[in-house]
C-alpha atoms as a PDB file:
ATOM      1  CA  MET A   1     173.655 -71.871  85.543  1.00  0.00           C
ATOM      2  CA  ALA A   2     170.013 -72.012  86.280  1.00  0.00           C
ATOM      3  CA  THR A   3     167.472 -72.452  83.530  1.00  0.00           C
ATOM      4  CA  LEU A   4     164.131 -70.875  83.852  1.00  0.00           C
ATOM      5  CA  ILE A   5     161.510 -73.398  82.930  1.00  0.00           C
ATOM      6  CA  THR A   6     157.959 -72.354  83.529  1.00  0.00           C
ATOM      7  CA  PRO A   7     155.385 -75.038  83.983  1.00  0.00           C
ATOM      8  CA  TRP A   8     152.818 -75.697  81.261  1.00  0.00           C
ATOM      9  CA  CYS A   9     149.887 -74.662  83.416  1.00  0.00           C
ATOM     10  CA  GLU A  10     151.364 -71.164  83.728  1.00  0.00           C
ATOM     11  CA  GLN A  11     151.922 -70.790  79.952  1.00  0.00           C
ATOM     12  CA  TRP A  12     148.470 -72.059  78.975  1.00  0.00           C
ATOM     13  CA  PRO A  13     146.542 -68.759  79.514  1.00  0.00           C
ATOM     14  CA  THR A  14     149.001 -66.853  77.312  1.00  0.00           C
ATOM     15  CA  ILE A  15     148.775 -69.478  74.566  1.00  0.00           C
ATOM     16  CA  CYS A  16     144.971 -69.432  74.719  1.00  0.00           C
ATOM     17  CA  ARG A  17     144.881 -65.643  74.343  1.00  0.00           C
ATOM     18  CA  LEU A  18     147.222 -65.785  71.340  1.00  0.00           C
ATOM     19  CA  VAL A  19     145.221 -68.553  69.657  1.00  0.00           C
ATOM     20  CA  ALA A  20     141.915 -66.827  70.338  1.00  0.00           C
ATOM     21  CA  THR A  21     143.231 -63.536  68.950  1.00  0.00           C
ATOM     22  CA  ALA A  22     144.559 -65.206  65.800  1.00  0.00           C
ATOM     23  CA  MET A  23     141.300 -67.115  65.248  1.00  0.00           C
ATOM     24  CA  THR A  24     139.197 -63.990  65.766  1.00  0.00           C
ATOM     25  CA  LEU A  25     141.271 -61.974  63.299  1.00  0.00           C
ATOM     26  CA  SER A  26     141.185 -64.796  60.741  1.00  0.00           C
ATOM     27  CA  LEU A  27     137.409 -65.165  60.991  1.00  0.00           C
ATOM     28  CA  MET A  28     136.870 -61.421  60.740  1.00  0.00           C
ATOM     29  CA  LEU A  29     138.951 -61.304  57.572  1.00  0.00           C
ATOM     30  CA  LEU A  30     137.406 -64.401  55.986  1.00  0.00           C
ATOM     31  CA  LEU A  31     133.755 -63.916  56.974  1.00  0.00           C
ATOM     32  CA  PRO A  32     132.928 -61.360  54.222  1.00  0.00           C
ATOM     33  CA  MET A  33     134.372 -63.715  51.607  1.00  0.00           C
ATOM     34  CA  PHE A  34     132.336 -66.643  52.966  1.00  0.00           C
ATOM     35  CA  ILE A  35     129.150 -64.569  52.903  1.00  0.00           C
ATOM     36  CA  TYR A  36     129.789 -63.340  49.357  1.00  0.00           C
ATOM     37  CA  ASN A  37     130.489 -66.863  48.077  1.00  0.00           C
ATOM     38  CA  SER A  38     127.398 -68.209  49.819  1.00  0.00           C
ATOM     39  CA  PHE A  39     125.179 -65.637  48.108  1.00  0.00           C
ATOM     40  CA  GLN A  40     126.817 -66.282  44.757  1.00  0.00           C
ATOM     41  CA  LEU A  41     126.372 -70.039  45.075  1.00  0.00           C
ATOM     42  CA  SER A  42     122.751 -69.772  46.175  1.00  0.00           C
ATOM     43  CA  HIS A  43     121.950 -67.442  43.249  1.00  0.00           C
ATOM     44  CA  ARG A  44     123.402 -69.998  40.832  1.00  0.00           C
ATOM     45  CA  PHE A  45     120.835 -72.488  42.151  1.00  0.00           C
ATOM     46  CA  VAL A  46     117.830 -70.269  42.849  1.00  0.00           C
ATOM     47  CA  GLY A  47     117.933 -68.151  39.676  1.00  0.00           C
ATOM     48  CA  PRO A  48     117.462 -71.060  37.254  1.00  0.00           C
ATOM     49  CA  VAL A  49     114.767 -72.651  39.412  1.00  0.00           C
ATOM     50  CA  THR A  50     112.828 -69.377  39.514  1.00  0.00           C
ATOM     51  CA  GLN A  51     113.033 -68.997  35.735  1.00  0.00           C
ATOM     52  CA  LEU A  52     112.025 -72.621  35.227  1.00  0.00           C
ATOM     53  CA  ARG A  53     108.975 -72.225  37.462  1.00  0.00           C
ATOM     54  CA  GLN A  54     107.877 -69.138  35.508  1.00  0.00           C
ATOM     55  CA  VAL A  55     108.196 -70.923  32.162  1.00  0.00           C
ATOM     56  CA  LEU A  56     106.261 -73.936  33.455  1.00  0.00           C
ATOM     57  CA  ARG A  57     103.567 -71.630  34.847  1.00  0.00           C
ATOM     58  CA  ASP A  58     103.278 -69.848  31.483  1.00  0.00           C
ATOM     59  CA  LEU A  59     103.073 -73.182  29.657  1.00  0.00           C
ATOM     60  CA  ALA A  60     100.306 -74.385  31.953  1.00  0.00           C
ATOM     61  CA  GLU A  61      98.333 -71.194  31.310  1.00  0.00           C
ATOM     62  CA  GLY A  62      98.779 -71.500  27.532  1.00  0.00           C
ATOM     63  CA  LYS A  63     100.867 -68.329  27.229  1.00  0.00           C
ATOM     64  CA  PRO A  64     103.580 -68.108  24.563  1.00  0.00           C
ATOM     65  CA  VAL A  65     106.983 -69.071  25.915  1.00  0.00           C
ATOM     66  CA  SER A  66     110.339 -67.845  24.687  1.00  0.00           C
ATOM     67  CA  PRO A  67     113.339 -70.204  24.865  1.00  0.00           C
ATOM     68  CA  LEU A  68     114.737 -70.530  28.373  1.00  0.00           C
ATOM     69  CA  THR A  69     118.316 -69.351  28.849  1.00  0.00           C
ATOM     70  CA  PHE A  70     120.272 -69.203  32.071  1.00  0.00           C
ATOM     71  CA  ARG A  71     123.133 -66.904  32.958  1.00  0.00           C
ATOM     72  CA  LYS A  72     126.665 -68.041  32.279  1.00  0.00           C
ATOM     73  CA  GLY A  73     127.881 -70.043  35.267  1.00  0.00           C
ATOM     74  CA  ASP A  74     124.406 -71.039  36.443  1.00  0.00           C
ATOM     75  CA  TYR A  75     123.698 -74.659  37.174  1.00  0.00           C
ATOM     76  CA  TRP A  76     121.321 -76.819  35.160  1.00  0.00           C
ATOM     77  CA  GLN A  77     122.124 -75.554  31.644  1.00  0.00           C
ATOM     78  CA  GLU A  78     121.170 -78.985  30.284  1.00  0.00           C
ATOM     79  CA  MET A  79     117.766 -78.717  31.916  1.00  0.00           C
ATOM     80  CA  ALA A  80     117.086 -75.483  30.030  1.00  0.00           C
ATOM     81  CA  GLU A  81     118.061 -77.120  26.738  1.00  0.00           C
ATOM     82  CA  GLU A  82     115.794 -80.096  27.373  1.00  0.00           C
ATOM     83  CA  LEU A  83     112.891 -77.884  28.398  1.00  0.00           C
ATOM     84  CA  ASN A  84     113.362 -75.848  25.211  1.00  0.00           C
ATOM     85  CA  ARG A  85     113.232 -79.046  23.147  1.00  0.00           C
ATOM     86  CA  ALA A  86     110.064 -80.161  24.945  1.00  0.00           C
ATOM     87  CA  VAL A  87     108.438 -76.762  24.376  1.00  0.00           C
ATOM     88  CA  GLU A  88     109.306 -76.968  20.680  1.00  0.00           C
ATOM     89  CA  VAL A  89     107.695 -80.409  20.410  1.00  0.00           C
ATOM     90  CA  LEU A  90     104.575 -79.114  22.174  1.00  0.00           C
ATOM     91  CA  ARG A  91     104.487 -76.099  19.865  1.00  0.00           C
ATOM     92  CA  LYS A  92     104.662 -78.318  16.769  1.00  0.00           C
ATOM     93  CA  GLU A  93     101.940 -80.610  18.113  1.00  0.00           C
ATOM     94  CA  ARG A  94      99.724 -77.624  18.909  1.00  0.00           C
ATOM     95  CA  LEU A  95     100.207 -76.232  15.388  1.00  0.00           C
ATOM     96  CA  ALA A  96      99.352 -79.617  13.895  1.00  0.00           C
ATOM     97  CA  GLU A  97      96.200 -79.846  16.015  1.00  0.00           C
ATOM     98  CA  GLU A  98      95.141 -76.310  15.090  1.00  0.00           C
ATOM     99  CA  SER A  99      95.682 -76.895  11.400  1.00  0.00           C
ATOM    100  CA  ALA A 100      93.727 -80.163  11.623  1.00  0.00           C
ATOM    101  CA  ALA A 101      90.941 -78.402  13.505  1.00  0.00           C
ATOM    102  CA  PHE A 102      90.659 -75.761  10.806  1.00  0.00           C
ATOM    103  CA  GLY A 103      90.573 -78.440   8.114  1.00  0.00           C
ATOM    104  CA  HIS A 104      93.874 -77.684   6.393  1.00  0.00           C
ATOM    105  CA  ASN A 105      95.766 -80.368   4.564  1.00  0.00           C
ATOM    106  CA  GLU A 106      99.532 -80.591   4.147  1.00  0.00           C
ATOM    107  CA  ASN A 107      99.584 -77.983   1.361  1.00  0.00           C
ATOM    108  CA  GLY A 108      97.875 -75.401   3.511  1.00  0.00           C
ATOM    109  CA  ARG A 109      94.574 -75.410   1.574  1.00  0.00           C
ATOM    110  CA  SER A 110      91.353 -75.974   3.377  1.00  0.00           C
ATOM    111  CA  LYS A 111      89.360 -79.091   2.543  1.00  0.00           C
ATOM    112  CA  ASP A 112      86.376 -76.944   1.565  1.00  0.00           C
ATOM    113  CA  LEU A 113      88.394 -75.136  -1.082  1.00  0.00           C
ATOM    114  CA  GLU A 114      89.690 -78.443  -2.436  1.00  0.00           C
ATOM    115  CA  MET A 115      86.148 -79.748  -2.730  1.00  0.00           C
ATOM    116  CA  ALA A 116      85.132 -76.666  -4.728  1.00  0.00           C
ATOM    117  CA  ILE A 117      88.014 -77.066  -7.197  1.00  0.00           C
END
């Protein structure tokens, strides 16, 4: 009884074709998912940074700023909360400076009216 054993060097081209075909099919099936996840991940980073830059630009120009909120699932939620707290502190300081500039005391009356009374 003779056994047919083919040498490895003769089987190698067939194995390479099978492996290459399997890899190509796998990559073709997985590539759309990789691309979609890459876009989704980059938007979770870029979206908050873009919003943050706009708020900082508005603050620098003295424009009124609404509280910064990011989409659910975006990164840096804590950064938005801290920026909102900083904006609130700046807003309170600005109001205090304006009221002092207009000569109002704590009760809201101007110093000139108090002098007349």
